[in-house]
Amino acid sequence: MNLGSWQLDTVDGGTFSIDGGVVYGVVPKTLWQNVNSPDEQNRLQFRNNCVLARDGNQTILIDTGYGGKHLALDRRFYEMDEGEPLLRSLDALGVGPDDIDLVVLSHLHFDHAGGATRNIPGRGLAPTFGRARHLVGWMEWEDALSGAPEIQSAYPQENLTPLLESANIELLQGDESIVPGLRARLTGGHTRGHLAFMFESDGQTALYLGDLCATTTHLHPMWNLSYDTFPLQTRTVKPKLLTEACDGQWWVLWTHDMKVAAGRLTRHPKRGFQVVEPQERL
């Protein structure tokens, strides 16, 4: 996708399967199964639609998928792809790990930050993108390292320790510019420090929502992930951002939808919004 001076490409951070109750939280199965059919084990497939952004000056990666460090048992449980799907996808675009200047993370759950570190023969755990600066919200970083028992399982430390030890982490304070044409929006909701990102160039805008609105089926204002630590915040902020996107005719980029990586929005009388101009890949 060309967005003014930006070239945006979908990079595959890996597919995985997850229970439908996790995907839709308190929404009854009798409702969500009409828009997303589960398998015989009540699982749904998710895709990690990471974004590679290039403007001729910098090469930026938005989120990193789950990476290649997981044990065989976990891979079978989640039906993860083999190897390191993110690096394969980047390679197909002619981009290597050392070509990445900046890694920007919406939050630090395993399916968004796991690919930022990898096991390197002879070195052990290390940053995947060793030359890159890594940006994340300060509240997210604080929570991820807090060891608080109620959230610690959401933040595997093997994903974070190599970044901490390498001093490759820079903390965002909230709504702020990252580079010209890319800025962060603090949303909260999914996690306390969850960020969305906006690309802007030549009067065009694309909004990366992260897990605030994980798929096109979550456009309904009351439908959200059971993993949301602040669900009422999600239900407050998500409609506001979607309204901005709809009224401004922005492109919306979905992080986990299996069929739609991007689309524009129009209003829907029952679901709040619906997708028009769906794009399977950027």
C-alpha atoms as a PDB file:
ATOM      1  CA  MET A   1       0.000   0.000   0.000  1.00  0.00           C
ATOM      2  CA  ASN A   2       1.286   3.432  -0.936  1.00  0.00           C
ATOM      3  CA  LEU A   3       0.256   6.091   1.563  1.00  0.00           C
ATOM      4  CA  GLY A   4       1.858   9.322   0.424  1.00  0.00           C
ATOM      5  CA  SER A   5       5.576   8.918   1.066  1.00  0.00           C
ATOM      6  CA  TRP A   6       5.041   5.683   3.018  1.00  0.00           C
ATOM      7  CA  GLN A   7       5.275   2.213   1.541  1.00  0.00           C
ATOM      8  CA  LEU A   8       3.331  -0.078   3.897  1.00  0.00           C
ATOM      9  CA  ASP A   9       3.575  -3.859   3.580  1.00  0.00           C
ATOM     10  CA  THR A  10       1.982  -6.668   5.547  1.00  0.00           C
ATOM     11  CA  VAL A  11       4.574  -8.985   7.074  1.00  0.00           C
ATOM     12  CA  ASP A  12       3.441 -12.310   8.473  1.00  0.00           C
ATOM     13  CA  GLY A  13       4.175 -12.700  12.178  1.00  0.00           C
ATOM     14  CA  GLY A  14       2.621 -16.195  12.156  1.00  0.00           C
ATOM     15  CA  THR A  15      -0.833 -17.711  12.442  1.00  0.00           C
ATOM     16  CA  PHE A  16      -2.157 -19.417  15.564  1.00  0.00           C
ATOM     17  CA  SER A  17      -5.367 -20.860  16.984  1.00  0.00           C
ATOM     18  CA  ILE A  18      -7.074 -19.679  20.140  1.00  0.00           C
ATOM     19  CA  ASP A  19     -10.307 -20.479  21.974  1.00  0.00           C
ATOM     20  CA  GLY A  20     -13.337 -18.564  20.768  1.00  0.00           C
ATOM     21  CA  GLY A  21     -14.208 -17.529  24.315  1.00  0.00           C
ATOM     22  CA  VAL A  22     -10.868 -15.738  24.532  1.00  0.00           C
ATOM     23  CA  VAL A  23     -11.505 -13.963  21.234  1.00  0.00           C
ATOM     24  CA  TYR A  24     -14.964 -12.649  22.132  1.00  0.00           C
ATOM     25  CA  GLY A  25     -15.049 -12.562  25.927  1.00  0.00           C
ATOM     26  CA  VAL A  26     -18.547 -12.150  27.330  1.00  0.00           C
ATOM     27  CA  VAL A  27     -20.214 -12.239  23.901  1.00  0.00           C
ATOM     28  CA  PRO A  28     -22.353 -15.432  23.730  1.00  0.00           C
ATOM     29  CA  LYS A  29     -21.192 -18.069  21.292  1.00  0.00           C
ATOM     30  CA  THR A  30     -24.649 -18.068  19.721  1.00  0.00           C
ATOM     31  CA  LEU A  31     -23.808 -14.572  18.437  1.00  0.00           C
ATOM     32  CA  TRP A  32     -20.120 -14.727  17.508  1.00  0.00           C
ATOM     33  CA  GLN A  33     -20.278 -18.087  15.741  1.00  0.00           C
ATOM     34  CA  ASN A  34     -22.474 -16.411  13.113  1.00  0.00           C
ATOM     35  CA  VAL A  35     -19.533 -14.266  11.996  1.00  0.00           C
ATOM     36  CA  ASN A  36     -16.592 -16.566  12.818  1.00  0.00           C
ATOM     37  CA  SER A  37     -17.041 -20.350  12.775  1.00  0.00           C
ATOM     38  CA  PRO A  38     -14.883 -22.299  15.268  1.00  0.00           C
ATOM     39  CA  ASP A  39     -13.342 -25.708  14.713  1.00  0.00           C
ATOM     40  CA  GLU A  40     -14.417 -28.827  16.616  1.00  0.00           C
ATOM     41  CA  GLN A  41     -12.325 -27.699  19.594  1.00  0.00           C
ATOM     42  CA  ASN A  42     -13.974 -24.258  19.673  1.00  0.00           C
ATOM     43  CA  ARG A  43     -10.819 -22.606  18.318  1.00  0.00           C
ATOM     44  CA  LEU A  44     -10.466 -19.736  15.873  1.00  0.00           C
ATOM     45  CA  GLN A  45      -7.474 -18.844  13.729  1.00  0.00           C
ATOM     46  CA  PHE A  46      -5.667 -15.549  14.149  1.00  0.00           C
ATOM     47  CA  ARG A  47      -3.024 -14.058  11.874  1.00  0.00           C
ATOM     48  CA  ASN A  48      -0.328 -11.656  13.055  1.00  0.00           C
ATOM     49  CA  ASN A  49      -0.430  -8.879  10.469  1.00  0.00           C
ATOM     50  CA  CYS A  50       2.704  -6.940  11.352  1.00  0.00           C
ATOM     51  CA  VAL A  51       3.507  -3.861   9.280  1.00  0.00           C
ATOM     52  CA  LEU A  52       6.719  -2.949   7.506  1.00  0.00           C
ATOM     53  CA  ALA A  53       6.838   0.805   6.854  1.00  0.00           C
ATOM     54  CA  ARG A  54       9.407   2.487   4.590  1.00  0.00           C
ATOM     55  CA  ASP A  55       9.649   6.145   3.610  1.00  0.00           C
ATOM     56  CA  GLY A  56      13.033   6.186   1.893  1.00  0.00           C
ATOM     57  CA  ASN A  57      14.743   7.323   5.085  1.00  0.00           C
ATOM     58  CA  GLN A  58      13.826   4.698   7.667  1.00  0.00           C
ATOM     59  CA  THR A  59      12.669   1.092   7.720  1.00  0.00           C
ATOM     60  CA  ILE A  60      10.214   0.558  10.563  1.00  0.00           C
ATOM     61  CA  LEU A  61       8.551  -2.607  11.865  1.00  0.00           C
ATOM     62  CA  ILE A  62       5.259  -2.415  13.761  1.00  0.00           C
ATOM     63  CA  ASP A  63       4.967  -5.431  16.118  1.00  0.00           C
ATOM     64  CA  THR A  64       6.870  -8.681  15.650  1.00  0.00           C
ATOM     65  CA  GLY A  65       4.490 -11.647  15.936  1.00  0.00           C
ATOM     66  CA  TYR A  66       5.315 -14.555  18.216  1.00  0.00           C
ATOM     67  CA  GLY A  67       8.776 -15.433  16.938  1.00  0.00           C
ATOM     68  CA  GLY A  68      10.501 -18.802  16.934  1.00  0.00           C
ATOM     69  CA  LYS A  69      11.406 -19.465  20.580  1.00  0.00           C
ATOM     70  CA  HIS A  70       8.343 -21.465  21.659  1.00  0.00           C
ATOM     71  CA  LEU A  71       8.604 -25.061  22.800  1.00  0.00           C
ATOM     72  CA  ALA A  72       7.131 -27.810  20.633  1.00  0.00           C
ATOM     73  CA  LEU A  73       4.294 -28.333  23.150  1.00  0.00           C
ATOM     74  CA  ASP A  74       3.250 -24.683  22.928  1.00  0.00           C
ATOM     75  CA  ARG A  75       3.489 -24.743  19.154  1.00  0.00           C
ATOM     76  CA  ARG A  76       1.155 -27.725  18.975  1.00  0.00           C
ATOM     77  CA  PHE A  77      -1.266 -26.195  21.490  1.00  0.00           C
ATOM     78  CA  TYR A  78      -1.578 -22.929  19.566  1.00  0.00           C
ATOM     79  CA  GLU A  79      -1.043 -24.507  16.110  1.00  0.00           C
ATOM     80  CA  MET A  80       1.812 -22.067  15.472  1.00  0.00           C
ATOM     81  CA  ASP A  81       3.770 -21.922  12.237  1.00  0.00           C
ATOM     82  CA  GLU A  82       7.156 -23.605  12.201  1.00  0.00           C
ATOM     83  CA  GLY A  83      10.398 -21.665  12.398  1.00  0.00           C
ATOM     84  CA  GLU A  84      10.415 -17.866  12.283  1.00  0.00           C
ATOM     85  CA  PRO A  85       7.581 -16.701  10.018  1.00  0.00           C
ATOM     86  CA  LEU A  86       8.357 -13.005  10.513  1.00  0.00           C
ATOM     87  CA  LEU A  87      11.911 -13.342   9.207  1.00  0.00           C
ATOM     88  CA  ARG A  88      10.703 -15.424   6.246  1.00  0.00           C
ATOM     89  CA  SER A  89       8.140 -12.772   5.377  1.00  0.00           C
ATOM     90  CA  LEU A  90      10.668  -9.942   5.652  1.00  0.00           C
ATOM     91  CA  ASP A  91      13.133 -11.891   3.522  1.00  0.00           C
ATOM     92  CA  ALA A  92      10.496 -12.247   0.797  1.00  0.00           C
ATOM     93  CA  LEU A  93      10.444  -8.433   0.659  1.00  0.00           C
ATOM     94  CA  GLY A  94      14.225  -8.280   0.483  1.00  0.00           C
ATOM     95  CA  VAL A  95      14.574  -7.050   4.069  1.00  0.00           C
ATOM     96  CA  GLY A  96      16.980  -8.587   6.587  1.00  0.00           C
ATOM     97  CA  PRO A  97      17.116  -8.118  10.375  1.00  0.00           C
ATOM     98  CA  ASP A  98      19.911  -5.545  10.121  1.00  0.00           C
ATOM     99  CA  ASP A  99      17.868  -3.451   7.691  1.00  0.00           C
ATOM    100  CA  ILE A 100      15.345  -2.551  10.403  1.00  0.00           C
ATOM    101  CA  ASP A 101      15.995   0.874  11.929  1.00  0.00           C
ATOM    102  CA  LEU A 102      13.087   1.002  14.361  1.00  0.00           C
ATOM    103  CA  VAL A 103      10.804  -1.572  15.994  1.00  0.00           C
ATOM    104  CA  VAL A 104       7.610  -0.090  17.446  1.00  0.00           C
ATOM    105  CA  LEU A 105       5.515  -2.283  19.763  1.00  0.00           C
ATOM    106  CA  SER A 106       1.825  -1.735  20.454  1.00  0.00           C
ATOM    107  CA  HIS A 107       2.172  -3.824  23.623  1.00  0.00           C
ATOM    108  CA  LEU A 108       4.267  -6.704  24.934  1.00  0.00           C
ATOM    109  CA  HIS A 109       2.054  -9.812  24.830  1.00  0.00           C
ATOM    110  CA  PHE A 110       3.725 -12.862  23.281  1.00  0.00           C
ATOM    111  CA  ASP A 111       2.016 -12.568  19.896  1.00  0.00           C
ATOM    112  CA  HIS A 112       3.192  -8.976  19.417  1.00  0.00           C
ATOM    113  CA  ALA A 113       6.626  -8.908  21.045  1.00  0.00           C
ATOM    114  CA  GLY A 114       7.853 -12.514  20.887  1.00  0.00           C
ATOM    115  CA  GLY A 115       9.548 -12.011  17.537  1.00  0.00           C
ATOM    116  CA  ALA A 116      11.673  -9.137  18.832  1.00  0.00           C
ATOM    117  CA  THR A 117      14.094 -11.667  20.380  1.00  0.00           C
ATOM    118  CA  ARG A 118      15.408 -15.017  19.224  1.00  0.00           C
ATOM    119  CA  ASN A 119      17.810 -17.799  20.105  1.00  0.00           C
ATOM    120  CA  ILE A 120      21.053 -17.198  18.194  1.00  0.00           C
ATOM    121  CA  PRO A 121      23.501 -20.143  18.030  1.00  0.00           C
ATOM    122  CA  GLY A 122      26.502 -19.452  20.213  1.00  0.00           C
ATOM    123  CA  ARG A 123      24.906 -16.381  21.803  1.00  0.00           C
ATOM    124  CA  GLY A 124      21.631 -17.552  23.305  1.00  0.00           C
ATOM    125  CA  LEU A 125      18.766 -15.100  23.607  1.00  0.00           C
ATOM    126  CA  ALA A 126      19.383 -11.815  21.821  1.00  0.00           C
ATOM    127  CA  PRO A 127      17.431  -9.077  20.028  1.00  0.00           C
ATOM    128  CA  THR A 128      16.331 -10.196  16.564  1.00  0.00           C
ATOM    129  CA  PHE A 129      16.896  -6.722  15.159  1.00  0.00           C
ATOM    130  CA  GLY A 130      20.188  -5.909  16.818  1.00  0.00           C
ATOM    131  CA  ARG A 131      20.734  -2.568  15.094  1.00  0.00           C
ATOM    132  CA  ALA A 132      17.229  -1.231  15.705  1.00  0.00           C
ATOM    133  CA  ARG A 133      15.857   1.062  18.357  1.00  0.00           C
ATOM    134  CA  HIS A 134      12.816  -0.483  20.082  1.00  0.00           C
ATOM    135  CA  LEU A 135       9.966   1.769  21.202  1.00  0.00           C
ATOM    136  CA  VAL A 136       7.186   0.838  23.641  1.00  0.00           C
ATOM    137  CA  GLY A 137       4.917   2.759  26.000  1.00  0.00           C
ATOM    138  CA  TRP A 138       6.392   3.398  29.440  1.00  0.00           C
ATOM    139  CA  MET A 139       3.331   2.016  31.264  1.00  0.00           C
ATOM    140  CA  GLU A 140       3.479  -1.166  29.192  1.00  0.00           C
ATOM    141  CA  TRP A 141       7.182  -1.624  29.939  1.00  0.00           C
ATOM    142  CA  GLU A 142       6.617  -0.942  33.640  1.00  0.00           C
ATOM    143  CA  ASP A 143       3.786  -3.473  33.861  1.00  0.00           C
ATOM    144  CA  ALA A 144       5.656  -6.105  31.842  1.00  0.00           C
ATOM    145  CA  LEU A 145       8.627  -6.010  34.220  1.00  0.00           C
ATOM    146  CA  SER A 146       6.620  -5.558  37.424  1.00  0.00           C
ATOM    147  CA  GLY A 147       6.213  -9.254  38.233  1.00  0.00           C
ATOM    148  CA  ALA A 148       2.679  -8.518  39.431  1.00  0.00           C
ATOM    149  CA  PRO A 149       1.116 -11.981  39.868  1.00  0.00           C
ATOM    150  CA  GLU A 150      -2.164 -11.025  38.220  1.00  0.00           C
ATOM    151  CA  ILE A 151      -0.473 -10.176  34.893  1.00  0.00           C
ATOM    152  CA  GLN A 152       2.948 -11.853  34.929  1.00  0.00           C
ATOM    153  CA  SER A 153       1.870 -14.811  32.778  1.00  0.00           C
ATOM    154  CA  ALA A 154       1.023 -12.361  29.979  1.00  0.00           C
ATOM    155  CA  TYR A 155       4.638 -11.174  29.775  1.00  0.00           C
ATOM    156  CA  PRO A 156       7.176 -13.990  29.226  1.00  0.00           C
ATOM    157  CA  GLN A 157      10.447 -12.516  30.408  1.00  0.00           C
ATOM    158  CA  GLU A 158      12.517 -14.255  27.717  1.00  0.00           C
ATOM    159  CA  ASN A 159      10.858 -11.831  25.278  1.00  0.00           C
ATOM    160  CA  LEU A 160      11.977  -8.810  27.300  1.00  0.00           C
ATOM    161  CA  THR A 161      15.263  -9.520  29.096  1.00  0.00           C
ATOM    162  CA  PRO A 162      17.447  -9.403  25.949  1.00  0.00           C
ATOM    163  CA  LEU A 163      16.006  -5.990  25.079  1.00  0.00           C
ATOM    164  CA  LEU A 164      16.590  -4.726  28.600  1.00  0.00           C
ATOM    165  CA  GLU A 165      20.151  -6.010  28.678  1.00  0.00           C
ATOM    166  CA  SER A 166      20.957  -4.571  25.259  1.00  0.00           C
ATOM    167  CA  ALA A 167      19.667  -1.101  26.236  1.00  0.00           C
ATOM    168  CA  ASN A 168      17.719  -1.091  22.973  1.00  0.00           C
ATOM    169  CA  ILE A 169      14.472   0.068  24.583  1.00  0.00           C
ATOM    170  CA  GLU A 170      13.162   3.633  24.418  1.00  0.00           C
ATOM    171  CA  LEU A 171       9.961   4.536  26.245  1.00  0.00           C
ATOM    172  CA  LEU A 172       7.077   6.516  24.800  1.00  0.00           C
ATOM    173  CA  GLN A 173       5.136   8.744  27.167  1.00  0.00           C
ATOM    174  CA  GLY A 174       1.784   8.503  25.372  1.00  0.00           C
ATOM    175  CA  ASP A 175       0.428  10.500  22.442  1.00  0.00           C
ATOM    176  CA  GLU A 176       3.565  11.648  20.668  1.00  0.00           C
ATOM    177  CA  SER A 177       5.406  11.776  17.373  1.00  0.00           C
ATOM    178  CA  ILE A 178       7.790   8.882  16.705  1.00  0.00           C
ATOM    179  CA  VAL A 179       9.197  10.071  13.375  1.00  0.00           C
ATOM    180  CA  PRO A 180       7.712  12.564  10.892  1.00  0.00           C
ATOM    181  CA  GLY A 181       4.494  10.981   9.626  1.00  0.00           C
ATOM    182  CA  LEU A 182       4.178   8.360  12.380  1.00  0.00           C
ATOM    183  CA  ARG A 183       2.766   9.004  15.816  1.00  0.00           C
ATOM    184  CA  ALA A 184       1.566   6.997  18.792  1.00  0.00           C
ATOM    185  CA  ARG A 185      -1.897   7.150  20.353  1.00  0.00           C
ATOM    186  CA  LEU A 186      -2.263   5.897  23.925  1.00  0.00           C
ATOM    187  CA  THR A 187      -5.467   3.833  24.025  1.00  0.00           C
ATOM    188  CA  GLY A 188      -5.215   1.657  27.131  1.00  0.00           C
ATOM    189  CA  GLY A 189      -7.976  -0.921  27.282  1.00  0.00           C
ATOM    190  CA  HIS A 190      -6.295  -4.108  26.137  1.00  0.00           C
ATOM    191  CA  THR A 191      -3.461  -3.291  28.523  1.00  0.00           C
ATOM    192  CA  ARG A 192      -2.852  -0.184  30.617  1.00  0.00           C
ATOM    193  CA  GLY A 193      -0.173   1.070  28.232  1.00  0.00           C
ATOM    194  CA  HIS A 194      -1.519  -0.225  24.900  1.00  0.00           C
ATOM    195  CA  LEU A 195      -0.705   2.014  21.909  1.00  0.00           C
ATOM    196  CA  ALA A 196      -2.217   2.504  18.477  1.00  0.00           C
ATOM    197  CA  PHE A 197      -0.197   4.077  15.646  1.00  0.00           C
ATOM    198  CA  MET A 198      -1.070   6.561  12.929  1.00  0.00           C
ATOM    199  CA  PHE A 199       0.707   6.941   9.589  1.00  0.00           C
ATOM    200  CA  GLU A 200       0.082  10.307   7.929  1.00  0.00           C
ATOM    201  CA  SER A 201       1.347  11.600   4.587  1.00  0.00           C
ATOM    202  CA  ASP A 202      -0.001  13.821   1.792  1.00  0.00           C
ATOM    203  CA  GLY A 203      -3.415  14.116   3.455  1.00  0.00           C
ATOM    204  CA  GLN A 204      -3.798  10.354   3.863  1.00  0.00           C
ATOM    205  CA  THR A 205      -3.968   8.426   7.141  1.00  0.00           C
ATOM    206  CA  ALA A 206      -3.683   4.773   8.160  1.00  0.00           C
ATOM    207  CA  LEU A 207      -4.485   3.679  11.721  1.00  0.00           C
ATOM    208  CA  TYR A 208      -2.926   0.552  13.246  1.00  0.00           C
ATOM    209  CA  LEU A 209      -5.252  -0.445  16.099  1.00  0.00           C
ATOM    210  CA  GLY A 210      -3.285  -3.290  17.674  1.00  0.00           C
ATOM    211  CA  ASP A 211      -5.522  -5.336  19.965  1.00  0.00           C
ATOM    212  CA  LEU A 212      -7.923  -2.482  20.677  1.00  0.00           C
ATOM    213  CA  CYS A 213      -9.899  -3.855  17.704  1.00  0.00           C
ATOM    214  CA  ALA A 214      -8.159  -7.086  16.811  1.00  0.00           C
ATOM    215  CA  THR A 215     -10.281  -8.143  13.810  1.00  0.00           C
ATOM    216  CA  THR A 216     -13.039  -6.762  11.624  1.00  0.00           C
ATOM    217  CA  THR A 217     -15.514  -8.825  13.660  1.00  0.00           C
ATOM    218  CA  HIS A 218     -14.658  -6.686  16.699  1.00  0.00           C
ATOM    219  CA  LEU A 219     -16.052  -3.515  15.130  1.00  0.00           C
ATOM    220  CA  HIS A 220     -19.149  -3.881  17.312  1.00  0.00           C
ATOM    221  CA  PRO A 221     -18.567  -1.475  20.221  1.00  0.00           C
ATOM    222  CA  MET A 222     -19.350  -4.129  22.868  1.00  0.00           C
ATOM    223  CA  TRP A 223     -17.237  -6.940  21.412  1.00  0.00           C
ATOM    224  CA  ASN A 224     -13.714  -7.191  22.800  1.00  0.00           C
ATOM    225  CA  LEU A 225     -11.065  -9.742  23.760  1.00  0.00           C
ATOM    226  CA  SER A 226     -11.311 -11.504  27.106  1.00  0.00           C
ATOM    227  CA  TYR A 227      -7.599 -10.674  27.532  1.00  0.00           C
ATOM    228  CA  ASP A 228      -8.465  -6.977  27.866  1.00  0.00           C
ATOM    229  CA  THR A 229      -7.341  -5.887  31.322  1.00  0.00           C
ATOM    230  CA  PHE A 230      -9.495  -2.735  31.148  1.00  0.00           C
ATOM    231  CA  PRO A 231     -12.508  -3.730  29.014  1.00  0.00           C
ATOM    232  CA  LEU A 232     -14.536  -0.617  29.818  1.00  0.00           C
ATOM    233  CA  GLN A 233     -11.636   1.495  28.529  1.00  0.00           C
ATOM    234  CA  THR A 234     -11.674  -0.538  25.316  1.00  0.00           C
ATOM    235  CA  ARG A 235     -15.405   0.050  24.949  1.00  0.00           C
ATOM    236  CA  THR A 236     -14.909   3.780  25.488  1.00  0.00           C
ATOM    237  CA  VAL A 237     -11.854   4.442  23.323  1.00  0.00           C
ATOM    238  CA  LYS A 238     -12.478   2.022  20.450  1.00  0.00           C
ATOM    239  CA  PRO A 239     -15.701   3.697  19.162  1.00  0.00           C
ATOM    240  CA  LYS A 240     -14.039   7.115  19.351  1.00  0.00           C
ATOM    241  CA  LEU A 241     -11.064   6.036  17.259  1.00  0.00           C
ATOM    242  CA  LEU A 242     -13.274   4.160  14.798  1.00  0.00           C
ATOM    243  CA  THR A 243     -15.462   7.246  14.423  1.00  0.00           C
ATOM    244  CA  GLU A 244     -12.385   9.341  13.648  1.00  0.00           C
ATOM    245  CA  ALA A 245     -11.278   6.770  11.084  1.00  0.00           C
ATOM    246  CA  CYS A 246     -14.721   6.564   9.499  1.00  0.00           C
ATOM    247  CA  ASP A 247     -15.252  10.330   9.280  1.00  0.00           C
ATOM    248  CA  GLY A 248     -11.706  10.943   8.046  1.00  0.00           C
ATOM    249  CA  GLN A 249     -11.815   8.084   5.503  1.00  0.00           C
ATOM    250  CA  TRP A 250      -8.642   6.649   7.021  1.00  0.00           C
ATOM    251  CA  TRP A 251      -7.359   3.213   6.249  1.00  0.00           C
ATOM    252  CA  VAL A 252      -7.660   0.928   9.281  1.00  0.00           C
ATOM    253  CA  LEU A 253      -5.030  -1.803   9.691  1.00  0.00           C
ATOM    254  CA  TRP A 254      -6.079  -4.974  11.524  1.00  0.00           C
ATOM    255  CA  THR A 255      -3.499  -6.907  13.442  1.00  0.00           C
ATOM    256  CA  HIS A 256      -5.210 -10.312  13.712  1.00  0.00           C
ATOM    257  CA  ASP A 257      -7.826 -10.661  10.963  1.00  0.00           C
ATOM    258  CA  MET A 258      -7.340 -13.744   8.784  1.00  0.00           C
ATOM    259  CA  LYS A 259      -8.911 -12.196   5.679  1.00  0.00           C
ATOM    260  CA  VAL A 260      -8.590  -8.411   5.951  1.00  0.00           C
ATOM    261  CA  ALA A 261      -5.341  -6.569   6.642  1.00  0.00           C
ATOM    262  CA  ALA A 262      -6.751  -3.118   5.837  1.00  0.00           C
ATOM    263  CA  GLY A 263      -9.973  -1.367   4.897  1.00  0.00           C
ATOM    264  CA  ARG A 264     -11.977   1.799   5.206  1.00  0.00           C
ATOM    265  CA  LEU A 265     -15.117   2.124   7.329  1.00  0.00           C
ATOM    266  CA  THR A 266     -18.724   3.150   6.946  1.00  0.00           C
ATOM    267  CA  ARG A 267     -21.379   3.209   9.640  1.00  0.00           C
ATOM    268  CA  HIS A 268     -23.640   0.227  10.229  1.00  0.00           C
ATOM    269  CA  PRO A 269     -27.012   0.548  12.000  1.00  0.00           C
ATOM    270  CA  LYS A 270     -26.517  -2.485  14.244  1.00  0.00           C
ATOM    271  CA  ARG A 271     -22.778  -3.218  14.409  1.00  0.00           C
ATOM    272  CA  GLY A 272     -21.539   0.349  14.633  1.00  0.00           C
ATOM    273  CA  PHE A 273     -19.242   0.130  11.599  1.00  0.00           C
ATOM    274  CA  GLN A 274     -18.559  -2.071   8.614  1.00  0.00           C
ATOM    275  CA  VAL A 275     -15.584  -2.485   6.291  1.00  0.00           C
ATOM    276  CA  VAL A 276     -15.456  -1.213   2.744  1.00  0.00           C
ATOM    277  CA  GLU A 277     -12.555  -1.574   0.296  1.00  0.00           C
ATOM    278  CA  PRO A 278     -11.136  -4.576   2.195  1.00  0.00           C
ATOM    279  CA  GLN A 279      -7.521  -5.468   1.392  1.00  0.00           C
ATOM    280  CA  GLU A 280      -6.183  -8.935   2.168  1.00  0.00           C
ATOM    281  CA  ARG A 281      -2.650  -7.543   2.311  1.00  0.00           C
ATOM    282  CA  LEU A 282      -1.154  -4.075   2.330  1.00  0.00           C
END
